Amino acid sequence: MTQDDGSLTYTLSANAYTELLARCRSELPNEACGLLIGSNTNHAIIDGVLPIKNVHPNPRSAFAFEPAAWISAMYQLQVNKQHLVGYYHSHPRSIPIPSTSDSAGSPPQAGAITLIVSFFTHEPVIRAYWKPSDEWLPVELCIEHVQPDNKQAD
């Protein structure tokens, strides 16, 4: 969502945050990838993730969506009356800054953002980006509070 100063801000729900980290951890040491989905009319809220198989020949340092899974996921969004907010992928051994291979792996989609989940440090770090042209631009990402028992805050 565009702010008064022209910057973009998105919100990652507590449930989506928990699911995103679980999906990315489950693919280690490979990169995980998938869709960021929303189900309400506010296109700046990410309330779910939909994993897509990484079929890149070198999955430890790059990603590529499996074509049939990509088509199936996009169809599933339509059937469930959800919308595409963007994409995610992980960096198992590097910082959450877009790489050259990230540009190659990211499908073009006007208005879509990309979340990169890094496991380079002890605690995972998530950064958001938008690529309106050839350059990756940072996007503000607000993560809803996740309580220790994985219940959302009131």
Protein backbone atom coordinates (compact mmCIF):
# COMPACT_ATOMS: atom_id res chain seq x y z
CA MET A 1 0.00 0.00 0.00
CA THR A 2 1.39 3.41 -0.90
CA GLN A 3 1.95 5.84 1.96
CA ASP A 4 1.80 9.66 1.81
CA ASP A 5 5.54 9.81 1.16
CA GLY A 6 5.25 7.39 -1.79
CA SER A 7 6.76 4.43 0.09
CA LEU A 8 5.18 0.99 0.06
CA THR A 9 4.11 -0.75 3.28
CA TYR A 10 2.80 -4.30 3.63
CA THR A 11 1.66 -6.31 6.64
CA LEU A 12 2.49 -9.97 7.22
CA SER A 13 -0.11 -11.58 9.50
CA ALA A 14 1.09 -13.58 12.50
CA ASN A 15 -0.25 -16.81 10.99
CA ALA A 16 1.39 -16.13 7.62
CA TYR A 17 4.69 -15.31 9.37
CA THR A 18 4.65 -18.61 11.27
CA GLU A 19 3.72 -20.56 8.13
CA LEU A 20 6.35 -18.78 6.02
CA LEU A 21 9.16 -19.63 8.43
CA ALA A 22 7.99 -23.24 8.76
CA ARG A 23 7.82 -23.70 4.97
CA CYS A 24 11.26 -22.18 4.44
CA ARG A 25 12.84 -24.21 7.27
CA SER A 26 11.34 -27.42 5.87
CA GLU A 27 13.26 -26.94 2.61
CA LEU A 28 16.68 -26.31 4.17
CA PRO A 29 19.41 -26.60 2.95
CA ASN A 30 17.64 -25.68 -0.31
CA GLU A 31 15.90 -22.44 -1.16
CA ALA A 32 12.15 -22.51 -0.67
CA CYS A 33 9.78 -20.52 -2.88
CA GLY A 34 6.10 -19.78 -3.26
CA LEU A 35 3.30 -17.25 -3.32
CA LEU A 36 2.21 -14.62 -0.81
CA ILE A 37 -1.57 -14.49 -0.75
CA GLY A 38 -4.25 -12.20 0.53
CA SER A 39 -7.93 -12.89 1.00
CA ASN A 40 -9.44 -9.49 1.69
CA THR A 41 -9.79 -6.34 -0.35
CA ASN A 42 -6.70 -4.74 1.17
CA HIS A 43 -3.93 -5.85 -1.18
CA ALA A 44 -1.26 -4.81 1.34
CA ILE A 45 -2.05 -7.60 3.83
CA ILE A 46 -0.37 -10.98 3.45
CA ASP A 47 -2.43 -13.57 5.28
CA GLY A 48 -1.16 -16.79 3.75
CA VAL A 49 1.60 -18.52 1.83
CA LEU A 50 1.34 -21.13 -0.87
CA PRO A 51 4.53 -23.15 -1.45
CA ILE A 52 5.63 -24.03 -4.96
CA LYS A 53 8.26 -26.67 -5.66
CA ASN A 54 11.73 -25.31 -6.44
CA VAL A 55 12.96 -27.06 -9.59
CA HIS A 56 16.14 -25.06 -10.15
CA PRO A 57 19.12 -27.32 -11.04
CA ASN A 58 21.06 -25.69 -8.17
CA PRO A 59 18.34 -25.37 -5.47
CA ARG A 60 20.82 -24.55 -2.68
CA SER A 61 21.53 -21.13 -4.18
CA ALA A 62 18.70 -20.36 -6.61
CA PHE A 63 15.04 -21.02 -7.24
CA ALA A 64 12.66 -21.64 -10.14
CA PHE A 65 8.94 -22.32 -9.79
CA GLU A 66 7.80 -25.71 -11.05
CA PRO A 67 5.56 -24.73 -14.02
CA ALA A 68 2.62 -27.09 -13.36
CA ALA A 69 2.59 -26.16 -9.66
CA TRP A 70 2.64 -22.46 -10.63
CA ILE A 71 -0.40 -22.87 -12.88
CA SER A 72 -2.21 -24.91 -10.23
CA ALA A 73 -1.47 -22.31 -7.54
CA MET A 74 -2.75 -19.43 -9.66
CA TYR A 75 -5.93 -21.41 -10.39
CA GLN A 76 -6.33 -22.19 -6.67
CA LEU A 77 -6.16 -18.45 -5.89
CA GLN A 78 -9.02 -17.76 -8.30
CA VAL A 79 -11.17 -20.61 -7.00
CA ASN A 80 -10.66 -19.48 -3.39
CA LYS A 81 -11.29 -15.80 -4.25
CA GLN A 82 -7.82 -14.88 -3.04
CA HIS A 83 -5.31 -12.57 -4.66
CA LEU A 84 -1.59 -12.62 -5.31
CA VAL A 85 0.30 -10.15 -3.13
CA GLY A 86 3.71 -11.40 -4.21
CA TYR A 87 6.33 -14.11 -3.93
CA TYR A 88 8.72 -15.46 -1.34
CA HIS A 89 11.93 -17.39 -1.38
CA SER A 90 14.64 -18.17 1.11
CA HIS A 91 18.38 -17.60 1.31
CA PRO A 92 19.69 -20.50 3.39
CA ARG A 93 23.26 -19.19 3.58
CA SER A 94 23.18 -15.53 2.61
CA ILE A 95 21.73 -12.20 3.68
CA PRO A 96 18.23 -11.13 2.52
CA ILE A 97 19.33 -8.95 -0.39
CA PRO A 98 18.19 -9.76 -3.96
CA SER A 99 20.79 -11.54 -6.07
CA THR A 100 21.18 -11.91 -9.81
CA SER A 101 19.63 -15.39 -9.62
CA ASP A 102 16.66 -13.91 -7.70
CA SER A 103 15.90 -11.70 -10.69
CA ALA A 104 16.00 -14.73 -12.98
CA GLY A 105 13.74 -16.80 -10.70
CA SER A 106 11.10 -14.18 -9.98
CA PRO A 107 8.11 -14.23 -12.29
CA PRO A 108 7.15 -10.82 -13.66
CA GLN A 109 3.96 -9.55 -12.02
CA ALA A 110 2.96 -5.91 -11.88
CA GLY A 111 2.56 -4.72 -8.30
CA ALA A 112 3.81 -7.93 -6.69
CA ILE A 113 6.37 -7.81 -3.90
CA THR A 114 9.05 -10.33 -2.95
CA LEU A 115 9.92 -11.46 0.56
CA ILE A 116 13.37 -12.94 1.13
CA VAL A 117 13.77 -15.09 4.24
CA SER A 118 17.41 -15.37 5.32
CA PHE A 119 18.79 -18.06 7.62
CA PHE A 120 22.30 -16.56 7.50
CA THR A 121 22.14 -15.54 11.16
CA HIS A 122 20.89 -17.41 14.23
CA GLU A 123 17.41 -15.86 13.92
CA PRO A 124 15.70 -15.69 10.51
CA VAL A 125 15.50 -12.24 8.91
CA ILE A 126 12.79 -11.25 6.42
CA ARG A 127 13.12 -8.33 3.99
CA ALA A 128 10.59 -7.12 1.43
CA TYR A 129 11.31 -5.75 -2.04
CA TRP A 130 9.47 -4.48 -5.09
CA LYS A 131 10.90 -4.54 -8.61
CA PRO A 132 9.05 -2.00 -10.77
CA SER A 133 11.81 -2.10 -13.43
CA ASP A 134 15.40 -3.39 -13.40
CA GLU A 135 16.08 -2.30 -9.82
CA TRP A 136 14.96 -3.90 -6.55
CA LEU A 137 13.50 -1.33 -4.14
CA PRO A 138 13.03 -1.97 -0.41
CA VAL A 139 9.47 -2.14 0.91
CA GLU A 140 8.43 -1.61 4.51
CA LEU A 141 7.14 -4.83 6.06
CA CYS A 142 5.18 -4.87 9.31
CA ILE A 143 4.95 -8.26 11.00
CA GLU A 144 2.00 -8.79 13.33
CA HIS A 145 3.03 -9.77 16.82
CA VAL A 146 3.50 -13.51 17.24
CA GLN A 147 2.86 -14.70 20.78
CA PRO A 148 4.95 -17.55 22.18
CA ASP A 149 2.08 -20.04 21.96
CA ASN A 150 1.60 -19.02 18.26
CA LYS A 151 -1.73 -17.33 18.97
CA GLN A 152 -2.41 -13.96 17.43
CA ALA A 153 -2.55 -10.92 19.69
CA ASP A 154 -5.98 -9.37 20.24
